[in-house]
C-alpha atoms as a PDB file:
ATOM      1  CA  MET A   1     109.844-114.569-101.181  1.00  0.00           C
ATOM      2  CA  SER A   2     109.515-114.789-104.822  1.00  0.00           C
ATOM      3  CA  ARG A   3     109.635-111.906-107.579  1.00  0.00           C
ATOM      4  CA  SER A   4     105.953-111.588-108.268  1.00  0.00           C
ATOM      5  CA  LYS A   5     104.702-111.439-104.804  1.00  0.00           C
ATOM      6  CA  SER A   6     107.794-108.885-104.242  1.00  0.00           C
ATOM      7  CA  VAL A   7     106.302-106.783-107.127  1.00  0.00           C
ATOM      8  CA  THR A   8     102.772-107.052-106.003  1.00  0.00           C
ATOM      9  CA  ALA A   9     103.420-106.166-102.561  1.00  0.00           C
ATOM     10  CA  ARG A  10     105.613-102.648-103.970  1.00  0.00           C
ATOM     11  CA  ARG A  11     102.599-102.047-105.986  1.00  0.00           C
ATOM     12  CA  VAL A  12     100.010-102.549-102.897  1.00  0.00           C
ATOM     13  CA  ALA A  13     102.128-100.434-100.667  1.00  0.00           C
ATOM     14  CA  ALA A  14     102.224 -97.889-103.532  1.00  0.00           C
ATOM     15  CA  ALA A  15      98.464 -97.789-103.781  1.00  0.00           C
ATOM     16  CA  VAL A  16      97.697 -97.589 -99.958  1.00  0.00           C
ATOM     17  CA  LEU A  17     100.381 -94.427 -99.660  1.00  0.00           C
ATOM     18  CA  ALA A  18      98.755 -92.603-103.233  1.00  0.00           C
ATOM     19  CA  ALA A  19      94.769 -93.322-101.599  1.00  0.00           C
ATOM     20  CA  GLY A  20      96.513 -91.772 -98.204  1.00  0.00           C
ATOM     21  CA  THR A  21      98.096 -89.012 -99.817  1.00  0.00           C
ATOM     22  CA  LEU A  22      94.642 -88.355-101.827  1.00  0.00           C
ATOM     23  CA  VAL A  23      92.711 -88.478 -98.628  1.00  0.00           C
ATOM     24  CA  GLY A  24      94.957 -86.153 -96.492  1.00  0.00           C
ATOM     25  CA  ALA A  25      94.865 -83.020 -99.181  1.00  0.00           C
ATOM     26  CA  ALA A  26      91.405 -83.499 -99.476  1.00  0.00           C
ATOM     27  CA  THR A  27      91.213 -83.228 -95.637  1.00  0.00           C
ATOM     28  CA  VAL A  28      93.666 -80.243 -95.875  1.00  0.00           C
ATOM     29  CA  SER A  29      91.754 -78.414 -98.608  1.00  0.00           C
ATOM     30  CA  ALA A  30      88.180 -78.700 -97.069  1.00  0.00           C
ATOM     31  CA  SER A  31      89.587 -77.445 -93.645  1.00  0.00           C
ATOM     32  CA  ALA A  32      91.266 -74.358 -95.557  1.00  0.00           C
ATOM     33  CA  ASP A  33      88.058 -73.655 -97.394  1.00  0.00           C
ATOM     34  CA  ASN A  34      86.174 -73.271 -93.554  1.00  0.00           C
ATOM     35  CA  GLY A  35      83.013 -73.650 -95.924  1.00  0.00           C
ATOM     36  CA  GLY A  36      83.948 -70.907 -98.197  1.00  0.00           C
ATOM     37  CA  ARG A  37      83.961 -68.450 -94.991  1.00  0.00           C
ATOM     38  CA  SER A  38      86.913 -66.940 -93.035  1.00  0.00           C
ATOM     39  CA  HIS A  39      87.296 -65.126 -89.656  1.00  0.00           C
ATOM     40  CA  ARG A  40      87.513 -61.976 -91.522  1.00  0.00           C
ATOM     41  CA  GLN A  41      84.206 -62.626 -93.363  1.00  0.00           C
ATOM     42  CA  SER A  42      82.138 -63.497 -90.187  1.00  0.00           C
ATOM     43  CA  VAL A  43      83.189 -60.396 -87.772  1.00  0.00           C
ATOM     44  CA  GLU A  44      81.508 -57.159 -89.171  1.00  0.00           C
ATOM     45  CA  ILE A  45      80.290 -53.441 -87.673  1.00  0.00           C
ATOM     46  CA  SER A  46      76.777 -53.980 -86.830  1.00  0.00           C
ATOM     47  CA  ASP A  47      76.462 -50.581 -85.401  1.00  0.00           C
ATOM     48  CA  VAL A  48      77.994 -47.019 -84.634  1.00  0.00           C
ATOM     49  CA  GLN A  49      76.752 -44.726 -82.244  1.00  0.00           C
ATOM     50  CA  TYR A  50      79.127 -41.483 -83.102  1.00  0.00           C
ATOM     51  CA  ASP A  51      77.141 -38.563 -81.644  1.00  0.00           C
ATOM     52  CA  SER A  52      77.577 -38.770 -78.128  1.00  0.00           C
ATOM     53  CA  PRO A  53      74.259 -37.682 -76.088  1.00  0.00           C
ATOM     54  CA  GLY A  54      73.980 -34.719 -74.059  1.00  0.00           C
ATOM     55  CA  ARG A  55      75.603 -31.386 -74.126  1.00  0.00           C
ATOM     56  CA  GLU A  56      78.869 -31.737 -72.237  1.00  0.00           C
ATOM     57  CA  ARG A  57      81.156 -33.844 -74.785  1.00  0.00           C
ATOM     58  CA  ARG A  58      84.015 -34.630 -72.728  1.00  0.00           C
ATOM     59  CA  SER A  59      82.074 -36.203 -69.450  1.00  0.00           C
ATOM     60  CA  ASN A  60      82.827 -40.134 -69.171  1.00  0.00           C
ATOM     61  CA  HIS A  61      79.302 -41.016 -69.314  1.00  0.00           C
ATOM     62  CA  SER A  62      78.832 -38.560 -72.593  1.00  0.00           C
ATOM     63  CA  LEU A  63      82.056 -40.397 -74.228  1.00  0.00           C
ATOM     64  CA  ASN A  64      81.131 -43.865 -73.339  1.00  0.00           C
ATOM     65  CA  GLY A  65      77.611 -42.914 -75.345  1.00  0.00           C
ATOM     66  CA  GLU A  66      79.590 -42.943 -78.375  1.00  0.00           C
ATOM     67  CA  TRP A  67      80.487 -46.807 -79.317  1.00  0.00           C
ATOM     68  CA  VAL A  68      80.804 -49.060 -81.887  1.00  0.00           C
ATOM     69  CA  ASP A  69      78.985 -52.385 -82.250  1.00  0.00           C
ATOM     70  CA  VAL A  70      81.687 -55.357 -83.720  1.00  0.00           C
ATOM     71  CA  THR A  71      79.368 -58.870 -84.358  1.00  0.00           C
ATOM     72  CA  ASN A  72      80.747 -62.237 -84.806  1.00  0.00           C
ATOM     73  CA  THR A  73      77.942 -63.549 -87.456  1.00  0.00           C
ATOM     74  CA  SER A  74      79.641 -67.107 -87.302  1.00  0.00           C
ATOM     75  CA  ARG A  75      78.864 -70.024 -84.601  1.00  0.00           C
ATOM     76  CA  ARG A  76      82.531 -69.905 -83.704  1.00  0.00           C
ATOM     77  CA  THR A  77      84.740 -68.131 -81.397  1.00  0.00           C
ATOM     78  CA  VAL A  78      86.887 -65.550 -83.059  1.00  0.00           C
ATOM     79  CA  ASN A  79      90.202 -64.700 -81.373  1.00  0.00           C
ATOM     80  CA  LEU A  80      90.579 -61.040 -81.385  1.00  0.00           C
ATOM     81  CA  ASP A  81      94.123 -60.330 -80.122  1.00  0.00           C
ATOM     82  CA  GLY A  82      95.743 -57.919 -82.176  1.00  0.00           C
ATOM     83  CA  TRP A  83      92.744 -56.455 -84.021  1.00  0.00           C
ATOM     84  CA  THR A  84      92.266 -52.784 -84.625  1.00  0.00           C
ATOM     85  CA  LEU A  85      89.087 -50.240 -84.409  1.00  0.00           C
ATOM     86  CA  SER A  86      90.462 -47.383 -86.294  1.00  0.00           C
ATOM     87  CA  ASP A  87      88.867 -43.769 -87.442  1.00  0.00           C
ATOM     88  CA  GLU A  88      90.120 -41.378 -90.464  1.00  0.00           C
ATOM     89  CA  ASP A  89      92.117 -38.973 -87.929  1.00  0.00           C
ATOM     90  CA  GLY A  90      94.509 -42.172 -87.153  1.00  0.00           C
ATOM     91  CA  ASN A  91      92.715 -42.891 -83.596  1.00  0.00           C
ATOM     92  CA  ARG A  92      93.083 -46.569 -82.943  1.00  0.00           C
ATOM     93  CA  TYR A  93      91.589 -49.243 -80.224  1.00  0.00           C
ATOM     94  CA  THR A  94      94.185 -52.578 -80.340  1.00  0.00           C
ATOM     95  CA  PHE A  95      91.694 -55.775 -79.159  1.00  0.00           C
ATOM     96  CA  ARG A  96      93.840 -57.181 -76.287  1.00  0.00           C
ATOM     97  CA  ASP A  97      93.494 -60.550 -75.561  1.00  0.00           C
ATOM     98  CA  TYR A  98      89.515 -60.998 -76.298  1.00  0.00           C
ATOM     99  CA  ARG A  99      87.969 -63.420 -77.970  1.00  0.00           C
ATOM    100  CA  LEU A 100      84.367 -62.760 -79.505  1.00  0.00           C
ATOM    101  CA  GLU A 101      81.681 -66.002 -78.872  1.00  0.00           C
ATOM    102  CA  GLY A 102      80.046 -67.055 -81.693  1.00  0.00           C
ATOM    103  CA  ARG A 103      77.045 -64.927 -82.735  1.00  0.00           C
ATOM    104  CA  ALA A 104      78.170 -62.371 -80.042  1.00  0.00           C
ATOM    105  CA  THR A 105      78.696 -58.771 -80.351  1.00  0.00           C
ATOM    106  CA  VAL A 106      80.749 -56.497 -78.522  1.00  0.00           C
ATOM    107  CA  ARG A 107      80.146 -52.559 -77.657  1.00  0.00           C
ATOM    108  CA  VAL A 108      83.834 -50.530 -77.763  1.00  0.00           C
ATOM    109  CA  HIS A 109      83.073 -47.532 -75.897  1.00  0.00           C
ATOM    110  CA  THR A 110      85.172 -44.218 -75.964  1.00  0.00           C
ATOM    111  CA  GLY A 111      85.474 -43.383 -72.456  1.00  0.00           C
ATOM    112  CA  ARG A 112      86.785 -45.217 -69.607  1.00  0.00           C
ATOM    113  CA  GLY A 113      85.342 -48.073 -67.649  1.00  0.00           C
ATOM    114  CA  ARG A 114      85.346 -51.760 -66.928  1.00  0.00           C
ATOM    115  CA  ASP A 115      85.830 -54.374 -69.670  1.00  0.00           C
ATOM    116  CA  THR A 116      82.952 -57.219 -69.536  1.00  0.00           C
ATOM    117  CA  ASP A 117      82.593 -59.698 -72.059  1.00  0.00           C
ATOM    118  CA  THR A 118      80.198 -57.906 -74.003  1.00  0.00           C
ATOM    119  CA  ASP A 119      81.824 -54.028 -73.251  1.00  0.00           C
ATOM    120  CA  LEU A 120      84.906 -52.712 -73.743  1.00  0.00           C
ATOM    121  CA  TYR A 121      86.577 -49.322 -72.843  1.00  0.00           C
ATOM    122  CA  GLN A 122      89.417 -47.239 -74.858  1.00  0.00           C
ATOM    123  CA  ASP A 123      89.789 -45.172 -72.005  1.00  0.00           C
ATOM    124  CA  ARG A 124      89.685 -41.901 -73.920  1.00  0.00           C
ATOM    125  CA  ARG A 125      89.046 -38.402 -72.538  1.00  0.00           C
ATOM    126  CA  ASN A 126      88.044 -36.926 -76.090  1.00  0.00           C
ATOM    127  CA  GLN A 127      85.510 -38.226 -79.007  1.00  0.00           C
ATOM    128  CA  VAL A 128      86.854 -40.667 -81.349  1.00  0.00           C
ATOM    129  CA  TRP A 129      84.181 -40.435 -83.946  1.00  0.00           C
ATOM    130  CA  ASP A 130      83.435 -37.401 -85.933  1.00  0.00           C
ATOM    131  CA  ASP A 131      79.678 -36.345 -86.180  1.00  0.00           C
ATOM    132  CA  TYR A 132      80.037 -34.874 -89.324  1.00  0.00           C
ATOM    133  CA  SER A 133      81.918 -37.314 -91.551  1.00  0.00           C
ATOM    134  CA  ASP A 134      84.176 -40.441 -90.252  1.00  0.00           C
ATOM    135  CA  THR A 135      84.652 -43.933 -91.274  1.00  0.00           C
ATOM    136  CA  ALA A 136      85.036 -46.709 -88.653  1.00  0.00           C
ATOM    137  CA  THR A 137      87.700 -49.694 -90.041  1.00  0.00           C
ATOM    138  CA  LEU A 138      88.445 -52.943 -88.534  1.00  0.00           C
ATOM    139  CA  SER A 139      91.424 -54.553 -89.107  1.00  0.00           C
ATOM    140  CA  ASP A 140      92.533 -58.074 -88.105  1.00  0.00           C
ATOM    141  CA  ASP A 141      95.799 -58.415 -86.271  1.00  0.00           C
ATOM    142  CA  ARG A 142      97.822 -58.467 -89.813  1.00  0.00           C
ATOM    143  CA  ARG A 143      96.378 -55.168 -90.545  1.00  0.00           C
ATOM    144  CA  ARG A 144      93.614 -56.353 -93.371  1.00  0.00           C
ATOM    145  CA  VAL A 145      90.659 -54.472 -93.656  1.00  0.00           C
ATOM    146  CA  VAL A 146      87.866 -56.578 -92.342  1.00  0.00           C
ATOM    147  CA  ASP A 147      84.949 -54.456 -92.486  1.00  0.00           C
ATOM    148  CA  THR A 148      84.013 -50.489 -92.271  1.00  0.00           C
ATOM    149  CA  ALA A 149      81.180 -48.027 -92.041  1.00  0.00           C
ATOM    150  CA  SER A 150      81.106 -44.474 -93.252  1.00  0.00           C
ATOM    151  CA  TRP A 151      78.519 -41.598 -92.747  1.00  0.00           C
ATOM    152  CA  GLY A 152      78.437 -37.931 -93.378  1.00  0.00           C
ATOM    153  CA  GLY A 153      80.671 -36.741 -96.528  1.00  0.00           C
ATOM    154  CA  ARG A 154      81.785 -40.208 -98.004  1.00  0.00           C
ATOM    155  CA  HIS A 155      79.783 -40.144-101.280  1.00  0.00           C
ATOM    156  CA  ASP A 156      79.411 -43.353-104.053  1.00  0.00           C
ATOM    157  CA  ARG A 157      79.309 -42.450-107.997  1.00  0.00           C
ATOM    158  CA  ASP A 158      75.637 -41.447-107.660  1.00  0.00           C
ATOM    159  CA  GLY A 159      76.393 -38.818-105.110  1.00  0.00           C
ATOM    160  CA  ARG A 160      74.791 -40.382-102.330  1.00  0.00           C
ATOM    161  CA  ASP A 161      76.116 -40.992 -98.963  1.00  0.00           C
ATOM    162  CA  ARG A 162      77.698 -44.745 -98.743  1.00  0.00           C
ATOM    163  CA  HIS A 163      75.441 -46.783 -96.349  1.00  0.00           C
ATOM    164  CA  GLU A 164      72.602 -44.486 -97.085  1.00  0.00           C
ATOM    165  CA  ARG A 165      70.083 -47.322 -95.386  1.00  0.00           C
ATOM    166  CA  GLY A 166      71.685 -47.662 -92.210  1.00  0.00           C
ATOM    167  CA  HIS A 167      71.978 -43.478 -91.690  1.00  0.00           C
ATOM    168  CA  ASP A 168      69.345 -43.420 -89.220  1.00  0.00           C
ATOM    169  CA  GLY A 169      69.488 -39.186 -88.935  1.00  0.00           C
ATOM    170  CA  ARG A 170      70.016 -39.049 -85.744  1.00  0.00           C
ATOM    171  CA  GLY A 171      73.860 -39.464 -85.372  1.00  0.00           C
ATOM    172  CA  GLY A 172      74.297 -43.461 -85.364  1.00  0.00           C
ATOM    173  CA  TYR A 173      74.960 -45.583 -88.489  1.00  0.00           C
ATOM    174  CA  HIS A 174      72.798 -48.622 -88.246  1.00  0.00           C
ATOM    175  CA  GLY A 175      72.264 -51.952 -89.991  1.00  0.00           C
ATOM    176  CA  ARG A 176      74.365 -54.045 -92.534  1.00  0.00           C
ATOM    177  CA  HIS A 177      76.243 -52.138 -95.535  1.00  0.00           C
END
């Protein structure tokens, strides 16, 4: 092979490698970006019922009337294995082997019951959520806070309850915060 053909071949090979590197970098960047949204941003606490119904506060029926809704607002399924839902007193529920489908909600009840695709049970014998003032915190499997919902004594700089528009006055927190 002549010297000029060898130089040309090396230049073509270098150009092909450089183009491949650029395409690969763009692909990795686009997939890492995920459209500007991560799984953490697509899962939220959408509703809380913290004041269980009835007078007997320790019955399983009453305990299951206390719950937190966790909603996946994206179209993709999110694996919640290892994620936690906790309160200010350190009570913690850990999601095990649970995948939340896209545009779906799971209700996490305080009491005992049989887990389904739409309802999970903490299997507790006492209330978790304080009726007067508490914060529900959803954290991912790396212990990063994904979302919170507060009611009662949590005040902003103006002295109003945080998430005031979500509090319904009937023992529940409803809506986006």
